[in-house]
């Protein structure tokens, strides 16, 4: 059963935003908002980007780039793990003696 969304106030760059959110996702939303606010402040404080819209776009690009890098790392790790499993399966297959099938004689 899904809970009905409730309003949650988050603050990004000293502005309040009200977001509808299921109660069980509230803490995750607040944590995400804190992270976004920190990242937006970093971009703002760098002095290289002017305007809230440009700061938001640059922050989004930075976050998406990090997500893409982490996803690629996970995919490489998964491929490495799968290769290691296949190698172990091959070693097990070689190590376990194969028995000739049992033939029943009437």
PDB file of N, CA and C in Angstrom:
ATOM      1  N   UNK A   1       0.844  -1.171   0.000  1.00  0.00           N
ATOM      2  CA  UNK A   1       0.000   0.000   0.000  1.00  0.00           C
ATOM      3  C   UNK A   1       0.892   1.239   0.000  1.00  0.00           C
ATOM      4  N   UNK A   2       0.668   2.151  -0.942  1.00  0.00           N
ATOM      5  CA  UNK A   2       1.503   3.345  -1.006  1.00  0.00           C
ATOM      6  C   UNK A   2       0.864   4.466  -0.205  1.00  0.00           C
ATOM      7  N   UNK A   3       1.711   5.184   0.524  1.00  0.00           N
ATOM      8  CA  UNK A   3       1.230   6.292   1.341  1.00  0.00           C
ATOM      9  C   UNK A   3       1.028   7.517   0.465  1.00  0.00           C
ATOM     10  N   UNK A   4       0.091   8.339   0.856  1.00  0.00           N
ATOM     11  CA  UNK A   4      -0.178   9.559   0.108  1.00  0.00           C
ATOM     12  C   UNK A   4       0.943  10.562   0.338  1.00  0.00           C
ATOM     13  N   UNK A   5       1.291  11.279  -0.715  1.00  0.00           N
ATOM     14  CA  UNK A   5       2.377  12.251  -0.633  1.00  0.00           C
ATOM     15  C   UNK A   5       2.007  13.399   0.297  1.00  0.00           C
ATOM     16  N   UNK A   6       3.011  13.871   1.011  1.00  0.00           N
ATOM     17  CA  UNK A   6       2.831  15.011   1.910  1.00  0.00           C
ATOM     18  C   UNK A   6       3.816  16.103   1.495  1.00  0.00           C
ATOM     19  N   UNK A   7       3.491  17.361   1.769  1.00  0.00           N
ATOM     20  CA  UNK A   7       4.417  18.436   1.405  1.00  0.00           C
ATOM     21  C   UNK A   7       5.635  18.459   2.318  1.00  0.00           C
ATOM     22  N   UNK A   8       6.799  18.643   1.705  1.00  0.00           N
ATOM     23  CA  UNK A   8       8.061  18.753   2.435  1.00  0.00           C
ATOM     24  C   UNK A   8       8.748  20.010   1.920  1.00  0.00           C
ATOM     25  N   UNK A   9       9.197  20.851   2.836  1.00  0.00           N
ATOM     26  CA  UNK A   9       9.880  22.078   2.450  1.00  0.00           C
ATOM     27  C   UNK A   9      11.384  21.822   2.444  1.00  0.00           C
ATOM     28  N   UNK A  10      12.007  22.110   1.307  1.00  0.00           N
ATOM     29  CA  UNK A  10      13.458  21.999   1.191  1.00  0.00           C
ATOM     30  C   UNK A  10      14.001  23.385   0.866  1.00  0.00           C
ATOM     31  N   UNK A  11      15.285  23.584   1.162  1.00  0.00           N
ATOM     32  CA  UNK A  11      15.895  24.879   0.906  1.00  0.00           C
ATOM     33  C   UNK A  11      17.113  24.700   0.006  1.00  0.00           C
ATOM     34  N   UNK A  12      17.097  25.422  -1.111  1.00  0.00           N
ATOM     35  CA  UNK A  12      18.203  25.408  -2.063  1.00  0.00           C
ATOM     36  C   UNK A  12      18.609  26.855  -2.306  1.00  0.00           C
ATOM     37  N   UNK A  13      19.867  27.174  -2.054  1.00  0.00           N
ATOM     38  CA  UNK A  13      20.388  28.529  -2.231  1.00  0.00           C
ATOM     39  C   UNK A  13      19.488  29.574  -1.565  1.00  0.00           C
ATOM     40  N   UNK A  14      19.166  29.318  -0.318  1.00  0.00           N
ATOM     41  CA  UNK A  14      18.384  30.244   0.504  1.00  0.00           C
ATOM     42  C   UNK A  14      16.960  30.467   0.010  1.00  0.00           C
ATOM     43  N   UNK A  15      16.461  29.595  -0.847  1.00  0.00           N
ATOM     44  CA  UNK A  15      15.073  29.677  -1.297  1.00  0.00           C
ATOM     45  C   UNK A  15      14.365  28.411  -0.860  1.00  0.00           C
ATOM     46  N   UNK A  16      13.131  28.571  -0.390  1.00  0.00           N
ATOM     47  CA  UNK A  16      12.334  27.422   0.018  1.00  0.00           C
ATOM     48  C   UNK A  16      11.529  26.888  -1.157  1.00  0.00           C
ATOM     49  N   UNK A  17      11.467  25.568  -1.241  1.00  0.00           N
ATOM     50  CA  UNK A  17      10.675  24.872  -2.253  1.00  0.00           C
ATOM     51  C   UNK A  17       9.843  23.821  -1.524  1.00  0.00           C
ATOM     52  N   UNK A  18       8.580  23.746  -1.875  1.00  0.00           N
ATOM     53  CA  UNK A  18       7.712  22.723  -1.301  1.00  0.00           C
ATOM     54  C   UNK A  18       7.567  21.610  -2.330  1.00  0.00           C
ATOM     55  N   UNK A  19       7.873  20.392  -1.890  1.00  0.00           N
ATOM     56  CA  UNK A  19       7.871  19.228  -2.770  1.00  0.00           C
ATOM     57  C   UNK A  19       6.954  18.172  -2.169  1.00  0.00           C
ATOM     58  N   UNK A  20       6.105  17.577  -3.000  1.00  0.00           N
ATOM     59  CA  UNK A  20       5.256  16.479  -2.533  1.00  0.00           C
ATOM     60  C   UNK A  20       6.090  15.205  -2.494  1.00  0.00           C
ATOM     61  N   UNK A  21       5.966  14.472  -1.387  1.00  0.00           N
ATOM     62  CA  UNK A  21       6.823  13.310  -1.193  1.00  0.00           C
ATOM     63  C   UNK A  21       6.106  12.303  -0.297  1.00  0.00           C
ATOM     64  N   UNK A  22       6.175  10.997  -0.627  1.00  0.00           N
ATOM     65  CA  UNK A  22       5.626   9.988   0.285  1.00  0.00           C
ATOM     66  C   UNK A  22       6.375  10.050   1.618  1.00  0.00           C
ATOM     67  N   UNK A  23       5.683   9.853   2.726  1.00  0.00           N
ATOM     68  CA  UNK A  23       6.331   9.958   4.038  1.00  0.00           C
ATOM     69  C   UNK A  23       7.578   9.079   4.197  1.00  0.00           C
ATOM     70  N   UNK A  24       7.560   7.886   3.613  1.00  0.00           N
ATOM     71  CA  UNK A  24       8.712   6.995   3.784  1.00  0.00           C
ATOM     72  C   UNK A  24       9.925   7.409   2.948  1.00  0.00           C
ATOM     73  N   UNK A  25       9.769   8.398   2.072  1.00  0.00           N
ATOM     74  CA  UNK A  25      10.885   8.894   1.273  1.00  0.00           C
ATOM     75  C   UNK A  25      11.367  10.263   1.738  1.00  0.00           C
ATOM     76  N   UNK A  26      10.773  10.777   2.805  1.00  0.00           N
ATOM     77  CA  UNK A  26      11.068  12.128   3.286  1.00  0.00           C
ATOM     78  C   UNK A  26      12.545  12.312   3.630  1.00  0.00           C
ATOM     79  N   UNK A  27      13.108  11.397   4.410  1.00  0.00           N
ATOM     80  CA  UNK A  27      14.504  11.530   4.829  1.00  0.00           C
ATOM     81  C   UNK A  27      15.446  11.499   3.629  1.00  0.00           C
ATOM     82  N   UNK A  28      15.170  10.646   2.657  1.00  0.00           N
ATOM     83  CA  UNK A  28      15.988  10.597   1.453  1.00  0.00           C
ATOM     84  C   UNK A  28      15.898  11.887   0.656  1.00  0.00           C
ATOM     85  N   UNK A  29      14.699  12.450   0.576  1.00  0.00           N
ATOM     86  CA  UNK A  29      14.517  13.726  -0.115  1.00  0.00           C
ATOM     87  C   UNK A  29      15.294  14.830   0.583  1.00  0.00           C
ATOM     88  N   UNK A  30      15.205  14.882   1.902  1.00  0.00           N
ATOM     89  CA  UNK A  30      15.920  15.917   2.651  1.00  0.00           C
ATOM     90  C   UNK A  30      17.431  15.767   2.484  1.00  0.00           C
ATOM     91  N   UNK A  31      17.919  14.549   2.503  1.00  0.00           N
ATOM     92  CA  UNK A  31      19.352  14.320   2.307  1.00  0.00           C
ATOM     93  C   UNK A  31      19.774  14.740   0.895  1.00  0.00           C
ATOM     94  N   UNK A  32      18.958  14.419  -0.089  1.00  0.00           N
ATOM     95  CA  UNK A  32      19.253  14.818  -1.466  1.00  0.00           C
ATOM     96  C   UNK A  32      19.246  16.334  -1.599  1.00  0.00           C
ATOM     97  N   UNK A  33      18.297  16.980  -0.956  1.00  0.00           N
ATOM     98  CA  UNK A  33      18.211  18.444  -1.017  1.00  0.00           C
ATOM     99  C   UNK A  33      19.439  19.084  -0.363  1.00  0.00           C
ATOM    100  N   UNK A  34      19.892  18.508   0.752  1.00  0.00           N
ATOM    101  CA  UNK A  34      21.107  19.035   1.404  1.00  0.00           C
ATOM    102  C   UNK A  34      22.312  18.904   0.476  1.00  0.00           C
ATOM    103  N   UNK A  35      22.422  17.741  -0.167  1.00  0.00           N
ATOM    104  CA  UNK A  35      23.537  17.518  -1.078  1.00  0.00           C
ATOM    105  C   UNK A  35      23.460  18.489  -2.256  1.00  0.00           C
ATOM    106  N   UNK A  36      22.289  18.654  -2.817  1.00  0.00           N
ATOM    107  CA  UNK A  36      22.125  19.575  -3.942  1.00  0.00           C
ATOM    108  C   UNK A  36      22.456  21.001  -3.518  1.00  0.00           C
ATOM    109  N   UNK A  37      21.981  21.403  -2.349  1.00  0.00           N
ATOM    110  CA  UNK A  37      22.271  22.746  -1.858  1.00  0.00           C
ATOM    111  C   UNK A  37      23.775  22.944  -1.686  1.00  0.00           C
ATOM    112  N   UNK A  38      24.453  21.958  -1.104  1.00  0.00           N
ATOM    113  CA  UNK A  38      25.905  22.058  -0.929  1.00  0.00           C
ATOM    114  C   UNK A  38      26.605  22.198  -2.272  1.00  0.00           C
ATOM    115  N   UNK A  39      26.198  21.384  -3.235  1.00  0.00           N
ATOM    116  CA  UNK A  39      26.832  21.421  -4.550  1.00  0.00           C
ATOM    117  C   UNK A  39      26.560  22.749  -5.258  1.00  0.00           C
ATOM    118  N   UNK A  40      25.324  23.251  -5.142  1.00  0.00           N
ATOM    119  CA  UNK A  40      24.991  24.539  -5.763  1.00  0.00           C
ATOM    120  C   UNK A  40      25.795  25.659  -5.110  1.00  0.00           C
ATOM    121  N   UNK A  41      25.966  25.598  -3.792  1.00  0.00           N
ATOM    122  CA  UNK A  41      26.771  26.610  -3.097  1.00  0.00           C
ATOM    123  C   UNK A  41      28.217  26.557  -3.547  1.00  0.00           C
ATOM    124  N   UNK A  42      28.758  25.338  -3.764  1.00  0.00           N
ATOM    125  CA  UNK A  42      30.128  25.208  -4.255  1.00  0.00           C
ATOM    126  C   UNK A  42      30.281  25.876  -5.614  1.00  0.00           C
ATOM    127  N   UNK A  43      29.317  25.633  -6.500  1.00  0.00           N
ATOM    128  CA  UNK A  43      29.376  26.237  -7.836  1.00  0.00           C
ATOM    129  C   UNK A  43      29.258  27.754  -7.716  1.00  0.00           C
ATOM    130  N   UNK A  44      28.321  28.217  -6.878  1.00  0.00           N
ATOM    131  CA  UNK A  44      28.143  29.657  -6.686  1.00  0.00           C
ATOM    132  C   UNK A  44      29.408  30.292  -6.118  1.00  0.00           C
ATOM    133  N   UNK A  45      29.989  29.640  -5.100  1.00  0.00           N
ATOM    134  CA  UNK A  45      31.154  30.203  -4.417  1.00  0.00           C
ATOM    135  C   UNK A  45      32.427  30.161  -5.265  1.00  0.00           C
ATOM    136  N   UNK A  46      32.421  29.335  -6.302  1.00  0.00           N
ATOM    137  CA  UNK A  46      33.593  29.300  -7.182  1.00  0.00           C
ATOM    138  C   UNK A  46      33.724  30.606  -7.960  1.00  0.00           C
ATOM    139  N   UNK A  47      32.610  31.328  -8.091  1.00  0.00           N
ATOM    140  CA  UNK A  47      32.628  32.613  -8.778  1.00  0.00           C
ATOM    141  C   UNK A  47      32.740  32.505 -10.282  1.00  0.00           C
ATOM    142  N   UNK A  48      32.735  31.284 -10.808  1.00  0.00           N
ATOM    143  CA  UNK A  48      32.912  31.096 -12.246  1.00  0.00           C
ATOM    144  C   UNK A  48      31.585  31.106 -13.002  1.00  0.00           C
ATOM    145  N   UNK A  49      30.471  30.927 -12.267  1.00  0.00           N
ATOM    146  CA  UNK A  49      29.171  30.819 -12.918  1.00  0.00           C
ATOM    147  C   UNK A  49      28.239  31.856 -12.314  1.00  0.00           C
ATOM    148  N   UNK A  50      27.616  32.628 -13.177  1.00  0.00           N
ATOM    149  CA  UNK A  50      26.684  33.650 -12.720  1.00  0.00           C
ATOM    150  C   UNK A  50      25.264  33.241 -13.096  1.00  0.00           C
ATOM    151  N   UNK A  51      24.335  33.515 -12.197  1.00  0.00           N
ATOM    152  CA  UNK A  51      22.931  33.238 -12.453  1.00  0.00           C
ATOM    153  C   UNK A  51      22.524  31.882 -11.913  1.00  0.00           C
ATOM    154  N   UNK A  52      21.361  31.865 -11.261  1.00  0.00           N
ATOM    155  CA  UNK A  52      20.870  30.639 -10.627  1.00  0.00           C
ATOM    156  C   UNK A  52      20.619  29.534 -11.639  1.00  0.00           C
ATOM    157  N   UNK A  53      20.110  29.895 -12.798  1.00  0.00           N
ATOM    158  CA  UNK A  53      19.823  28.876 -13.810  1.00  0.00           C
ATOM    159  C   UNK A  53      21.109  28.217 -14.294  1.00  0.00           C
ATOM    160  N   UNK A  54      22.125  29.011 -14.567  1.00  0.00           N
ATOM    161  CA  UNK A  54      23.406  28.448 -15.009  1.00  0.00           C
ATOM    162  C   UNK A  54      24.049  27.622 -13.904  1.00  0.00           C
ATOM    163  N   UNK A  55      23.921  28.067 -12.643  1.00  0.00           N
ATOM    164  CA  UNK A  55      24.458  27.283 -11.522  1.00  0.00           C
ATOM    165  C   UNK A  55      23.751  25.937 -11.441  1.00  0.00           C
ATOM    166  N   UNK A  56      22.428  25.951 -11.633  1.00  0.00           N
ATOM    167  CA  UNK A  56      21.663  24.704 -11.575  1.00  0.00           C
ATOM    168  C   UNK A  56      22.092  23.761 -12.691  1.00  0.00           C
ATOM    169  N   UNK A  57      22.273  24.302 -13.891  1.00  0.00           N
ATOM    170  CA  UNK A  57      22.684  23.464 -15.021  1.00  0.00           C
ATOM    171  C   UNK A  57      24.084  22.899 -14.792  1.00  0.00           C
ATOM    172  N   UNK A  58      25.015  23.723 -14.350  1.00  0.00           N
ATOM    173  CA  UNK A  58      26.374  23.245 -14.107  1.00  0.00           C
ATOM    174  C   UNK A  58      26.399  22.203 -12.989  1.00  0.00           C
ATOM    175  N   UNK A  59      25.633  22.445 -11.940  1.00  0.00           N
ATOM    176  CA  UNK A  59      25.564  21.475 -10.839  1.00  0.00           C
ATOM    177  C   UNK A  59      24.972  20.163 -11.328  1.00  0.00           C
ATOM    178  N   UNK A  60      23.900  20.237 -12.100  1.00  0.00           N
ATOM    179  CA  UNK A  60      23.276  19.019 -12.641  1.00  0.00           C
ATOM    180  C   UNK A  60      24.258  18.264 -13.526  1.00  0.00           C
ATOM    181  N   UNK A  61      24.977  18.976 -14.377  1.00  0.00           N
ATOM    182  CA  UNK A  61      25.965  18.316 -15.233  1.00  0.00           C
ATOM    183  C   UNK A  61      27.050  17.630 -14.416  1.00  0.00           C
ATOM    184  N   UNK A  62      27.533  18.294 -13.374  1.00  0.00           N
ATOM    185  CA  UNK A  62      28.555  17.692 -12.521  1.00  0.00           C
ATOM    186  C   UNK A  62      28.043  16.432 -11.844  1.00  0.00           C
ATOM    187  N   UNK A  63      26.828  16.486 -11.319  1.00  0.00           N
ATOM    188  CA  UNK A  63      26.259  15.323 -10.627  1.00  0.00           C
ATOM    189  C   UNK A  63      26.032  14.180 -11.602  1.00  0.00           C
ATOM    190  N   UNK A  64      25.477  14.472 -12.772  1.00  0.00           N
ATOM    191  CA  UNK A  64      25.222  13.426 -13.768  1.00  0.00           C
ATOM    192  C   UNK A  64      26.536  12.812 -14.247  1.00  0.00           C
ATOM    193  N   UNK A  65      27.557  13.625 -14.395  1.00  0.00           N
ATOM    194  CA  UNK A  65      28.871  13.103 -14.800  1.00  0.00           C
ATOM    195  C   UNK A  65      29.391  12.117 -13.748  1.00  0.00           C
ATOM    196  N   UNK A  66      29.271  12.484 -12.477  1.00  0.00           N
ATOM    197  CA  UNK A  66      29.711  11.584 -11.403  1.00  0.00           C
ATOM    198  C   UNK A  66      28.899  10.293 -11.403  1.00  0.00           C
ATOM    199  N   UNK A  67      27.594  10.400 -11.609  1.00  0.00           N
ATOM    200  CA  UNK A  67      26.735   9.210 -11.654  1.00  0.00           C
ATOM    201  C   UNK A  67      27.156   8.309 -12.817  1.00  0.00           C
ATOM    202  N   UNK A  68      27.425   8.916 -13.973  1.00  0.00           N
ATOM    203  CA  UNK A  68      27.844   8.137 -15.143  1.00  0.00           C
ATOM    204  C   UNK A  68      29.170   7.425 -14.880  1.00  0.00           C
ATOM    205  N   UNK A  69      30.114   8.114 -14.229  1.00  0.00           N
ATOM    206  CA  UNK A  69      31.387   7.473 -13.900  1.00  0.00           C
ATOM    207  C   UNK A  69      31.189   6.313 -12.935  1.00  0.00           C
ATOM    208  N   UNK A  70      30.360   6.503 -11.918  1.00  0.00           N
ATOM    209  CA  UNK A  70      30.098   5.433 -10.950  1.00  0.00           C
ATOM    210  C   UNK A  70      29.393   4.254 -11.613  1.00  0.00           C
ATOM    211  N   UNK A  71      28.467   4.543 -12.516  1.00  0.00           N
ATOM    212  CA  UNK A  71      27.760   3.474 -13.230  1.00  0.00           C
ATOM    213  C   UNK A  71      28.743   2.673 -14.075  1.00  0.00           C
ATOM    214  N   UNK A  72      29.651   3.361 -14.764  1.00  0.00           N
ATOM    215  CA  UNK A  72      30.658   2.667 -15.581  1.00  0.00           C
ATOM    216  C   UNK A  72      31.556   1.800 -14.698  1.00  0.00           C
ATOM    217  N   UNK A  73      31.939   2.324 -13.522  1.00  0.00           N
ATOM    218  CA  UNK A  73      32.757   1.532 -12.586  1.00  0.00           C
ATOM    219  C   UNK A  73      32.007   0.290 -12.136  1.00  0.00           C
ATOM    220  N   UNK A  74      30.719   0.439 -11.809  1.00  0.00           N
ATOM    221  CA  UNK A  74      29.915  -0.716 -11.383  1.00  0.00           C
ATOM    222  C   UNK A  74      29.808  -1.740 -12.500  1.00  0.00           C
ATOM    223  N   UNK A  75      29.610  -1.268 -13.730  1.00  0.00           N
ATOM    224  CA  UNK A  75      29.495  -2.194 -14.860  1.00  0.00           C
ATOM    225  C   UNK A  75      30.799  -2.944 -15.086  1.00  0.00           C
ATOM    226  N   UNK A  76      31.937  -2.234 -14.952  1.00  0.00           N
ATOM    227  CA  UNK A  76      33.233  -2.911 -15.087  1.00  0.00           C
ATOM    228  C   UNK A  76      33.419  -3.930 -13.968  1.00  0.00           C
ATOM    229  N   UNK A  77      33.056  -3.554 -12.748  1.00  0.00           N
ATOM    230  CA  UNK A  77      33.192  -4.469 -11.609  1.00  0.00           C
ATOM    231  C   UNK A  77      32.301  -5.693 -11.800  1.00  0.00           C
ATOM    232  N   UNK A  78      31.095  -5.489 -12.309  1.00  0.00           N
ATOM    233  CA  UNK A  78      30.185  -6.606 -12.557  1.00  0.00           C
ATOM    234  C   UNK A  78      30.755  -7.525 -13.638  1.00  0.00           C
ATOM    235  N   UNK A  79      31.285  -6.931 -14.698  1.00  0.00           N
ATOM    236  CA  UNK A  79      31.886  -7.747 -15.765  1.00  0.00           C
ATOM    237  C   UNK A  79      33.078  -8.528 -15.228  1.00  0.00           C
ATOM    238  N   UNK A  80      33.918  -7.893 -14.408  1.00  0.00           N
ATOM    239  CA  UNK A  80      35.061  -8.585 -13.808  1.00  0.00           C
ATOM    240  C   UNK A  80      34.601  -9.721 -12.904  1.00  0.00           C
ATOM    241  N   UNK A  81      33.569  -9.460 -12.119  1.00  0.00           N
ATOM    242  CA  UNK A  81      33.027 -10.488 -11.217  1.00  0.00           C
ATOM    243  C   UNK A  81      32.473 -11.655 -12.011  1.00  0.00           C
ATOM    244  N   UNK A  82      31.724 -11.358 -13.078  1.00  0.00           N
ATOM    245  CA  UNK A  82      31.175 -12.428 -13.911  1.00  0.00           C
ATOM    246  C   UNK A  82      32.283 -13.248 -14.559  1.00  0.00           C
ATOM    247  N   UNK A  83      33.346 -12.587 -15.005  1.00  0.00           N
ATOM    248  CA  UNK A  83      34.476 -13.307 -15.600  1.00  0.00           C
ATOM    249  C   UNK A  83      35.145 -14.206 -14.560  1.00  0.00           C
ATOM    250  N   UNK A  84      35.293 -13.709 -13.344  1.00  0.00           N
ATOM    251  CA  UNK A  84      35.901 -14.515 -12.276  1.00  0.00           C
ATOM    252  C   UNK A  84      35.020 -15.720 -11.942  1.00  0.00           C
ATOM    253  N   UNK A  85      33.715 -15.509 -11.930  1.00  0.00           N
ATOM    254  CA  UNK A  85      32.798 -16.631 -11.657  1.00  0.00           C
ATOM    255  C   UNK A  85      32.903 -17.678 -12.753  1.00  0.00           C
ATOM    256  N   UNK A  86      32.931 -17.230 -14.016  1.00  0.00           N
ATOM    257  CA  UNK A  86      33.066 -18.190 -15.120  1.00  0.00           C
ATOM    258  C   UNK A  86      34.380 -18.958 -15.019  1.00  0.00           C
ATOM    259  N   UNK A  87      35.453 -18.276 -14.637  1.00  0.00           N
ATOM    260  CA  UNK A  87      36.745 -18.948 -14.486  1.00  0.00           C
ATOM    261  C   UNK A  87      36.682 -19.984 -13.369  1.00  0.00           C
ATOM    262  N   UNK A  88      36.054 -19.627 -12.264  1.00  0.00           N
ATOM    263  CA  UNK A  88      35.912 -20.583 -11.156  1.00  0.00           C
ATOM    264  C   UNK A  88      35.039 -21.762 -11.552  1.00  0.00           C
ATOM    265  N   UNK A  89      33.976 -21.491 -12.300  1.00  0.00           N
ATOM    266  CA  UNK A  89      33.126 -22.596 -12.761  1.00  0.00           C
ATOM    267  C   UNK A  89      33.925 -23.548 -13.645  1.00  0.00           C
ATOM    268  N   UNK A  90      34.778 -22.979 -14.490  1.00  0.00           N
ATOM    269  CA  UNK A  90      35.627 -23.822 -15.342  1.00  0.00           C
ATOM    270  C   UNK A  90      36.590 -24.658 -14.531  1.00  0.00           C
ATOM    271  N   UNK A  91      37.194 -24.058 -13.517  1.00  0.00           N
ATOM    272  CA  UNK A  91      38.116 -24.801 -12.651  1.00  0.00           C
ATOM    273  C   UNK A  91      37.387 -25.902 -11.895  1.00  0.00           C
ATOM    274  N   UNK A  92      36.181 -25.595 -11.413  1.00  0.00           N
ATOM    275  CA  UNK A  92      35.386 -26.616 -10.721  1.00  0.00           C
ATOM    276  C   UNK A  92      35.030 -27.755 -11.659  1.00  0.00           C
ATOM    277  N   UNK A  93      34.635 -27.408 -12.857  1.00  0.00           N
ATOM    278  CA  UNK A  93      34.268 -28.442 -13.827  1.00  0.00           C
ATOM    279  C   UNK A  93      35.468 -29.334 -14.125  1.00  0.00           C
ATOM    280  N   UNK A  94      36.659 -28.744 -14.206  1.00  0.00           N
ATOM    281  CA  UNK A  94      37.868 -29.529 -14.471  1.00  0.00           C
ATOM    282  C   UNK A  94      38.269 -30.364 -13.258  1.00  0.00           C
ATOM    283  N   UNK A  95      38.005 -29.857 -12.061  1.00  0.00           N
ATOM    284  CA  UNK A  95      38.434 -30.537 -10.840  1.00  0.00           C
ATOM    285  C   UNK A  95      37.507 -31.675 -10.438  1.00  0.00           C
ATOM    286  N   UNK A  96      36.263 -31.580 -10.783  1.00  0.00           N
ATOM    287  CA  UNK A  96      35.309 -32.632 -10.399  1.00  0.00           C
ATOM    288  C   UNK A  96      35.386 -33.734 -11.449  1.00  0.00           C
ATOM    289  N   UNK A  97      35.721 -34.950 -10.989  1.00  0.00           N
ATOM    290  CA  UNK A  97      35.840 -36.043 -11.958  1.00  0.00           C
ATOM    291  C   UNK A  97      34.473 -36.348 -12.581  1.00  0.00           C
ATOM    292  N   UNK A  98      34.545 -36.581 -13.857  1.00  0.00           N
ATOM    293  CA  UNK A  98      33.314 -36.934 -14.571  1.00  0.00           C
ATOM    294  C   UNK A  98      33.118 -38.436 -14.475  1.00  0.00           C
ATOM    295  N   UNK A  99      31.923 -38.797 -14.155  1.00  0.00           N
ATOM    296  CA  UNK A  99      31.624 -40.231 -14.055  1.00  0.00           C
ATOM    297  C   UNK A  99      30.920 -40.678 -15.319  1.00  0.00           C
ATOM    298  N   UNK A 100      31.216 -41.869 -15.652  1.00  0.00           N
ATOM    299  CA  UNK A 100      30.502 -42.455 -16.813  1.00  0.00           C
ATOM    300  C   UNK A 100      29.063 -42.690 -16.367  1.00  0.00           C
ATOM    301  N   UNK A 101      28.136 -42.514 -17.264  1.00  0.00           N
ATOM    302  CA  UNK A 101      26.740 -42.744 -16.880  1.00  0.00           C
ATOM    303  C   UNK A 101      26.529 -44.190 -16.464  1.00  0.00           C
ATOM    304  N   UNK A 102      25.665 -44.329 -15.493  1.00  0.00           N
ATOM    305  CA  UNK A 102      25.336 -45.669 -14.992  1.00  0.00           C
ATOM    306  C   UNK A 102      24.341 -46.280 -15.962  1.00  0.00           C
ATOM    307  N   UNK A 103      24.701 -47.466 -16.414  1.00  0.00           N
ATOM    308  CA  UNK A 103      23.822 -48.162 -17.340  1.00  0.00           C
ATOM    309  C   UNK A 103      23.196 -49.318 -16.592  1.00  0.00           C
ATOM    310  N   UNK A 104      21.909 -49.353 -16.616  1.00  0.00           N
ATOM    311  CA  UNK A 104      21.195 -50.456 -15.953  1.00  0.00           C
ATOM    312  C   UNK A 104      21.098 -51.644 -16.901  1.00  0.00           C
ATOM    313  N   UNK A 105      21.397 -52.803 -16.361  1.00  0.00           N
ATOM    314  CA  UNK A 105      21.305 -54.047 -17.143  1.00  0.00           C
ATOM    315  C   UNK A 105      20.136 -54.841 -16.624  1.00  0.00           C
ATOM    316  N   UNK A 106      19.274 -55.280 -17.507  1.00  0.00           N
ATOM    317  CA  UNK A 106      18.106 -56.069 -17.080  1.00  0.00           C
ATOM    318  C   UNK A 106      18.422 -57.516 -16.944  1.00  0.00           C
TER     319      UNK A 106
END
